Structure formats: C-alpha cells, structure tokens
Amino acid sequence: MSTDPEARVTDELLPVVVVDPLPVVRAGLALLLAGDGGFDVVAQVSDAEQGLVALAAAPAGSLVTVGLAIDGPRNAFWLIESIRERFPSSVVVAVGARSDAVTISRALFSGADGFVDKDVDPAEFLDAIRAAVAGQMVLAGPPSDWMGAIAGGLERDRSGDAWLTLRERQVLSVAAEGLTARQIAERLGVRERTITTHLSRIYAKLGVRTRIAAIRTATAAGLVSNIVE
C-alpha cells in the first residue's frame, strides 16, 4: 500500500485508522464508520505508537480518529503532532468524552482537523467526520458557549514554542533562506507537495497568507532566526 504523504485517497471508500485505548470504543467506532458505507476501517489500535505504525501501512490521505484518553509520555497530543509531521495529508479527528475546553483547544492546536464528543448522536458523529474529510474544522458536542474558551486556549498555546511542530519549524527555517518549495523538498528529502502541505498548515496556524508574513511572524516568536526578503 502507498505511504506517499502527498497523494490523496481516490478510492470510493476512505481508509480509516481508529486509535483508542478502550476496546469497546474502538469496536463501536469501527462499526459506526463501516456501516456508513463511505469508510473502510483498515486498522484498530490502542496506543500512539501502534497508531503511527498502522497509518504508515495505510493508504496516504487516510482518516485517523484519535481518542483523547490515550495517556502517558506518548499521549493523544503527541500522536496528533506526530501524524501532522509524518503524514500531513491525513485527516485527523480527535474524539473525547466530556472533554473540557482546554483539552479540546490543545487537540486542535496540536493539529487535529476537528473534535467530536463521544456523547453526540451517531448521525451527528458521522456528519462531523464527513465535514472534516471535506476540509472543514469541526466541533461536535461542546456547548456553544465554550467556543470563546476554546479559541482563547488556542491563542494561549500560540505564545509558546509548541506553536509550530518541529517539522514545521524546520520547513520554515529552510524557507527563510529564500528557497523554493522544490528546493526545500530536496534539502529535507521529501516531495514538493509535502512541503506545500506543511506551508499551508503553517500559514493557517500563524494566521497569515504569504511565506514572508509567516517568516516574520515566526521570527518575532523566536521560532526561526533568518528573514530573506
């Protein structure tokens, strides 16, 4: 199976990797997604390391549901960040049970494309997953009056060194030398479209639209040290 992080899945069924520490939850999510008719659950695993192994074996562009109950040094947030660095074309949806606003904002900041609470109706769950696959940021389950707290948590996270993942900082540091996306890709040993995917996520995180603006913003935050006009 392809592990090219650029390519999007073109088959009718979207491959899914379900990562959750609870066997019953894994089985339930798998049955729900498989029963929808638009998804193919290719792996069900219990921890972050197994999740990365499963995703490496899955087709590029797969959907990953990450249970926020994964704890330990390599917890759910570590997994989300690792997926973003290694498999940038994947769709990542964090799944939690009565998660608070801080936890949800941390999951989104780590790189999740959305959050879905396990308490939502199955139809709402599937709608949220489809929306995330379509490229929308989804929040299904949290009370509407939490939106401000979640947004505030994202802003607080942006004040720290974890604003960008290690790989994103590497990409932006090389970009600061004035290299093209193709040259950055050659320097880092990846494909050009991987670099453009990383740059798009960097722009979204920094709230900018151009490379120069991203470099300036990241430099001001101490994440890169050079600016090339």
Foldseek 3Di string as FASTA:
>chain_A
DDQALQDADDDQAAEEEEEAQDPVVQVVVQCLNVVVVRHDHPYYYYALVVSVVSSSVDHAQHEYEFEQVADDPCGSLVSLLVCCQRRVNYAYEYEYAPDALLSQLSNVQSPHLEYAYPPDDSVQVVVQVVCSSVPHYYYHDDDPVSPVVSVVSLVVVCLDLVLDRPNLLLLLQVVQVVDDLCVSCVVVVHHSSSSVSSVVVLCVSQVHDDSQVSSVSCCVSVSYPHHDD
